[in-house]
Amino acid sequence: MVYGQGPEDARDLYIVPVEGGPSIQLTSHPADDGLPRWTRDGRSVLFTSRRSGSWQVWKVPADGGEPERVLVNDHREWQVDESPDGRFLAFLSNREGAESLWLLDQKTSELRPLVRHGERTVMGNPHWSPDGTRIVFSSNWKRGHQIYVVDVASGETRQISEVGGCEPRFSPDGTKVVYVHRRPREDKSVSAIVEHDLATGEEAVLVDWPALNYDPVYSPDGSEIAFASTMTGSWEIYRYHLADGEARQVTFSKADARYPDYRPVARP
């Protein structure tokens, strides 16, 4: 599992065994490295960094090495995810002004906008469906952050959340989306992790701890989710077993661990 750790604006990336154990530091830079996503072959990690002065997409070998920029420009481009076949990158960019969802063809270097929601738009966390036909993301278009699914071929977009959400991820079989629903409770700000069934629209609350619970992601076999929570007072990463609701703490850093992502299972 890869994750970001450190104080805000100065995080580095680490890799840790899912069952817990010593972490291996993957990046080291005074600037913020965060929002890591494994490439589909499990050999590299895509991430967002300010090390060039603005948010840009970077890539680093999982076995260690010097990170390199994926695109070189002066725009804010971040929050990247690779398609299941490894050909395309979905990412957010303000290269046309308002933040929009873009695709990069890594074979031809062709760029194309997929979703534009207009001025003052803030989007978040694009993630490809397992079959590569859809992307789920969040956007504050019209009435606060909601969860949307876009068909990659047609560009047709539909909203799936009803009361707001962010940080969505598809399940490994593509039938569900897990996301964060934030709401006030008494004098505290808390957030719940919700699972949405795409066929029925039914939703189930998975994690409703009295804390901030963010960054959910399914394991490759779909048996659990990993997420970050402030339950102990600092951000730590947990695993939540879907069958019985058992949760297990993975990191004990006391230095804010965020953005977990499971390494893909090696293909035959």
Protein backbone atom coordinates (compact mmCIF):
# COMPACT_ATOMS: atom_id res chain seq x y z
CA MET A 1 0.00 0.00 0.00
CA VAL A 2 1.27 3.48 -0.85
CA TYR A 3 0.29 6.58 1.14
CA GLY A 4 1.33 10.14 1.91
CA GLN A 5 2.73 11.08 5.30
CA GLY A 6 3.94 14.23 6.96
CA PRO A 7 2.73 17.72 7.87
CA GLU A 8 0.46 19.50 5.42
CA ASP A 9 2.41 21.10 2.54
CA ALA A 10 5.43 18.87 3.22
CA ARG A 11 4.25 15.29 2.76
CA ASP A 12 6.34 12.48 1.29
CA LEU A 13 5.24 9.12 -0.09
CA TYR A 14 5.71 5.79 1.68
CA ILE A 15 5.00 2.14 0.93
CA VAL A 16 3.84 -0.17 3.73
CA PRO A 17 2.77 -3.85 3.77
CA VAL A 18 -1.02 -4.17 3.99
CA GLU A 19 -0.70 -6.31 7.11
CA GLY A 20 1.39 -3.56 8.73
CA GLY A 21 5.10 -3.24 9.37
CA PRO A 22 7.97 -0.85 8.61
CA SER A 23 7.30 1.74 5.91
CA ILE A 24 9.67 2.42 3.03
CA GLN A 25 10.05 6.08 2.06
CA LEU A 26 9.52 6.57 -1.66
CA THR A 27 9.97 10.34 -2.10
CA SER A 28 11.88 12.99 -0.18
CA HIS A 29 11.43 16.64 -1.03
CA PRO A 30 10.66 19.86 0.90
CA ALA A 31 7.56 20.39 -1.25
CA ASP A 32 4.30 18.49 -0.82
CA ASP A 33 4.01 15.06 -2.48
CA GLY A 34 0.54 13.56 -2.21
CA LEU A 35 -2.51 11.91 -3.76
CA PRO A 36 -0.61 8.78 -4.89
CA ARG A 37 -2.10 6.24 -7.31
CA TRP A 38 -0.44 3.03 -8.47
CA THR A 39 0.02 2.50 -12.17
CA ARG A 40 -1.91 -0.55 -13.33
CA ASP A 41 1.20 -2.68 -13.71
CA GLY A 42 2.19 -1.93 -10.11
CA ARG A 43 5.65 -0.79 -11.16
CA SER A 44 5.28 2.94 -10.56
CA VAL A 45 3.34 5.46 -8.51
CA LEU A 46 1.68 8.53 -10.00
CA PHE A 47 1.33 11.45 -7.62
CA THR A 48 0.77 15.18 -7.34
CA SER A 49 3.55 17.49 -6.20
CA ARG A 50 4.35 21.19 -5.81
CA ARG A 51 8.08 20.57 -6.24
CA SER A 52 8.03 22.48 -9.57
CA GLY A 53 6.25 25.47 -8.00
CA SER A 54 2.67 24.55 -8.92
CA TRP A 55 0.65 21.36 -8.62
CA GLN A 56 1.80 18.97 -11.34
CA VAL A 57 1.57 15.24 -12.09
CA TRP A 58 4.70 13.20 -11.35
CA LYS A 59 5.70 9.55 -11.56
CA VAL A 60 8.20 7.56 -9.50
CA PRO A 61 9.36 3.91 -9.76
CA ALA A 62 7.92 1.78 -6.97
CA ASP A 63 11.38 0.33 -6.28
CA GLY A 64 12.80 3.80 -5.78
CA GLY A 65 14.40 6.33 -8.08
CA GLU A 66 14.14 9.91 -9.23
CA PRO A 67 10.58 11.19 -9.87
CA GLU A 68 9.85 12.69 -13.29
CA ARG A 69 7.12 15.06 -14.46
CA VAL A 70 4.45 13.57 -16.68
CA LEU A 71 3.56 16.90 -18.30
CA VAL A 72 5.64 20.06 -18.24
CA ASN A 73 3.69 23.34 -18.17
CA ASP A 74 2.67 26.17 -15.84
CA HIS A 75 -0.91 25.01 -15.26
CA ARG A 76 -2.30 23.40 -12.12
CA GLU A 77 -2.65 19.73 -13.07
CA TRP A 78 -3.21 17.10 -10.42
CA GLN A 79 -5.26 14.23 -8.98
CA VAL A 80 -4.35 11.64 -11.59
CA ASP A 81 -5.53 8.07 -12.24
CA GLU A 82 -4.41 5.61 -14.92
CA SER A 83 -6.90 3.65 -17.05
CA PRO A 84 -7.09 -0.14 -16.53
CA ASP A 85 -5.28 -0.80 -19.83
CA GLY A 86 -2.53 1.67 -18.87
CA ARG A 87 -3.02 3.84 -21.94
CA PHE A 88 -4.81 6.91 -20.58
CA LEU A 89 -4.41 9.23 -17.62
CA ALA A 90 -7.43 11.03 -16.20
CA PHE A 91 -6.49 14.18 -14.31
CA LEU A 92 -7.71 17.65 -13.35
CA SER A 93 -6.36 20.73 -15.11
CA ASN A 94 -7.02 24.47 -15.27
CA ARG A 95 -5.30 24.84 -18.66
CA GLU A 96 -8.49 26.39 -20.12
CA GLY A 97 -9.26 28.49 -17.04
CA ALA A 98 -11.85 26.62 -15.00
CA GLU A 99 -10.82 23.30 -13.53
CA SER A 100 -11.89 20.45 -15.82
CA LEU A 101 -11.42 16.72 -16.21
CA TRP A 102 -8.91 15.83 -18.94
CA LEU A 103 -7.54 12.69 -20.56
CA LEU A 104 -3.96 12.13 -21.72
CA ASP A 105 -3.25 9.38 -24.26
CA GLN A 106 0.14 8.13 -23.08
CA LYS A 107 0.78 6.48 -26.45
CA THR A 108 0.11 9.47 -28.72
CA SER A 109 0.45 12.34 -26.15
CA GLU A 110 -2.98 13.59 -27.30
CA LEU A 111 -4.89 15.64 -24.73
CA ARG A 112 -8.66 16.11 -24.63
CA PRO A 113 -11.09 17.60 -22.13
CA LEU A 114 -13.77 15.17 -20.98
CA VAL A 115 -15.88 17.17 -18.50
CA ARG A 116 -16.22 20.95 -18.21
CA HIS A 117 -18.49 22.37 -15.49
CA GLY A 118 -17.84 26.08 -15.98
CA GLU A 119 -16.25 28.91 -14.02
CA ARG A 120 -15.28 28.56 -10.35
CA THR A 121 -15.60 24.79 -10.60
CA VAL A 122 -13.68 22.66 -8.10
CA MET A 123 -13.40 18.98 -9.04
CA GLY A 124 -11.87 16.05 -7.25
CA ASN A 125 -10.44 12.55 -7.34
CA PRO A 126 -11.19 11.02 -10.76
CA HIS A 127 -11.14 7.21 -10.77
CA TRP A 128 -11.60 4.80 -13.69
CA SER A 129 -14.10 1.96 -13.66
CA PRO A 130 -12.51 -1.52 -13.92
CA ASP A 131 -13.65 -1.88 -17.55
CA GLY A 132 -12.29 1.54 -18.53
CA THR A 133 -15.62 2.84 -19.83
CA ARG A 134 -16.48 5.29 -17.02
CA ILE A 135 -14.82 7.70 -14.63
CA VAL A 136 -16.23 8.73 -11.26
CA PHE A 137 -15.34 12.14 -9.81
CA SER A 138 -16.68 14.93 -7.62
CA SER A 139 -17.59 18.48 -8.59
CA ASN A 140 -19.09 21.52 -6.84
CA TRP A 141 -21.02 22.40 -10.01
CA LYS A 142 -24.39 24.05 -9.27
CA ARG A 143 -24.93 23.04 -5.63
CA GLY A 144 -21.93 21.94 -3.67
CA HIS A 145 -19.77 18.88 -4.09
CA GLN A 146 -21.60 15.89 -5.55
CA ILE A 147 -20.49 12.58 -7.06
CA TYR A 148 -20.72 12.13 -10.83
CA VAL A 149 -20.05 9.30 -13.27
CA VAL A 150 -19.06 10.13 -16.87
CA ASP A 151 -19.14 7.80 -19.86
CA VAL A 152 -15.69 8.12 -21.45
CA ALA A 153 -16.86 7.47 -25.02
CA SER A 154 -19.88 9.80 -25.10
CA GLY A 155 -19.05 12.32 -22.36
CA GLU A 156 -22.53 11.80 -20.89
CA THR A 157 -22.47 12.61 -17.18
CA ARG A 158 -24.89 11.72 -14.40
CA GLN A 159 -24.99 12.61 -10.72
CA ILE A 160 -25.23 9.65 -8.34
CA SER A 161 -25.10 11.33 -4.91
CA GLU A 162 -28.10 13.02 -3.33
CA VAL A 163 -26.75 14.92 -0.33
CA GLY A 164 -23.18 15.72 -1.30
CA GLY A 165 -19.92 13.82 -1.44
CA CYS A 166 -16.27 13.69 -2.45
CA GLU A 167 -13.34 11.28 -2.94
CA PRO A 168 -15.18 8.55 -4.87
CA ARG A 169 -13.74 5.18 -5.91
CA PHE A 170 -15.20 2.33 -7.98
CA SER A 171 -15.39 -1.15 -6.50
CA PRO A 172 -13.23 -3.80 -8.23
CA ASP A 173 -16.30 -5.24 -10.00
CA GLY A 174 -17.58 -1.80 -11.07
CA THR A 175 -20.99 -2.21 -9.44
CA LYS A 176 -20.49 0.18 -6.52
CA VAL A 177 -18.83 3.46 -5.61
CA VAL A 178 -17.49 4.32 -2.18
CA TYR A 179 -17.24 8.00 -1.25
CA VAL A 180 -17.09 10.50 1.61
CA HIS A 181 -20.16 12.31 2.91
CA ARG A 182 -19.31 15.23 5.17
CA ARG A 183 -21.76 16.79 7.60
CA PRO A 184 -21.82 18.71 10.90
CA ARG A 185 -22.57 16.90 14.14
CA GLU A 186 -23.17 18.98 17.27
CA ASP A 187 -20.17 21.31 17.47
CA LYS A 188 -17.86 19.06 15.42
CA SER A 189 -17.26 18.43 11.75
CA VAL A 190 -17.39 14.72 10.93
CA SER A 191 -17.60 12.64 7.80
CA ALA A 192 -18.96 9.22 6.95
CA ILE A 193 -17.82 6.74 4.32
CA VAL A 194 -20.74 5.60 2.19
CA GLU A 195 -21.10 2.80 -0.38
CA HIS A 196 -23.42 3.48 -3.33
CA ASP A 197 -24.94 0.67 -5.41
CA LEU A 198 -24.95 1.88 -9.03
CA ALA A 199 -27.76 -0.46 -10.13
CA THR A 200 -30.25 0.26 -7.33
CA GLY A 201 -29.10 3.63 -6.00
CA GLU A 202 -29.17 2.21 -2.48
CA GLU A 203 -26.51 3.40 -0.07
CA ALA A 204 -24.96 1.91 3.05
CA VAL A 205 -22.88 3.74 5.63
CA LEU A 206 -19.65 1.81 6.17
CA VAL A 207 -17.72 4.05 8.57
CA ASP A 208 -19.40 6.64 10.77
CA TRP A 209 -16.82 7.26 13.46
CA PRO A 210 -17.00 10.60 15.35
CA ALA A 211 -14.05 11.96 13.40
CA LEU A 212 -12.96 12.95 9.92
CA ASN A 213 -12.98 9.77 7.81
CA TYR A 214 -11.56 10.26 4.31
CA ASP A 215 -9.67 8.72 1.37
CA PRO A 216 -11.58 5.41 0.99
CA VAL A 217 -10.30 2.83 -1.52
CA TYR A 218 -11.27 -0.79 -2.14
CA SER A 219 -8.74 -3.58 -1.91
CA PRO A 220 -8.09 -5.38 -5.22
CA ASP A 221 -10.29 -8.32 -4.17
CA GLY A 222 -13.09 -6.05 -2.90
CA SER A 223 -13.13 -7.59 0.56
CA GLU A 224 -12.15 -4.41 2.40
CA ILE A 225 -11.53 -0.70 2.13
CA ALA A 226 -8.61 1.33 3.40
CA PHE A 227 -9.21 4.89 4.58
CA ALA A 228 -7.70 7.67 6.69
CA SER A 229 -9.26 8.90 9.93
CA THR A 230 -8.54 11.38 12.73
CA MET A 231 -10.04 9.01 15.30
CA THR A 232 -6.81 9.01 17.36
CA GLY A 233 -6.27 12.76 17.04
CA SER A 234 -3.95 12.57 14.04
CA TRP A 235 -4.54 11.17 10.56
CA GLU A 236 -3.87 7.43 10.47
CA ILE A 237 -4.74 4.74 7.92
CA TYR A 238 -7.12 1.89 8.67
CA ARG A 239 -8.42 -1.22 6.94
CA TYR A 240 -12.15 -1.98 7.21
CA HIS A 241 -13.34 -5.53 6.48
CA LEU A 242 -16.66 -5.32 4.64
CA ALA A 243 -18.00 -8.71 5.73
CA ASP A 244 -17.93 -8.09 9.48
CA GLY A 245 -17.12 -4.38 9.90
CA GLU A 246 -13.87 -5.08 11.71
CA ALA A 247 -11.37 -2.20 11.46
CA ARG A 248 -7.63 -2.44 11.92
CA GLN A 249 -5.13 0.41 12.19
CA VAL A 250 -2.26 0.19 9.68
CA THR A 251 -0.10 3.25 10.41
CA PHE A 252 1.02 4.60 13.77
CA SER A 253 2.95 7.59 12.48
CA LYS A 254 1.49 10.45 14.54
CA ALA A 255 2.52 12.57 11.54
CA ASP A 256 -0.66 12.54 9.45
CA ALA A 257 -0.91 9.56 7.08
CA ARG A 258 -3.32 10.11 4.17
CA TYR A 259 -4.36 8.91 0.68
CA PRO A 260 -3.89 5.10 0.85
CA ASP A 261 -3.86 3.11 -2.40
CA TYR A 262 -3.52 -0.66 -2.73
CA ARG A 263 -0.88 -2.02 -5.07
CA PRO A 264 -2.62 -3.82 -7.98
CA VAL A 265 -2.51 -7.60 -8.05
CA ALA A 266 0.04 -8.77 -10.60
CA ARG A 267 -1.55 -9.94 -13.84
CA PRO A 268 -0.66 -13.39 -15.22
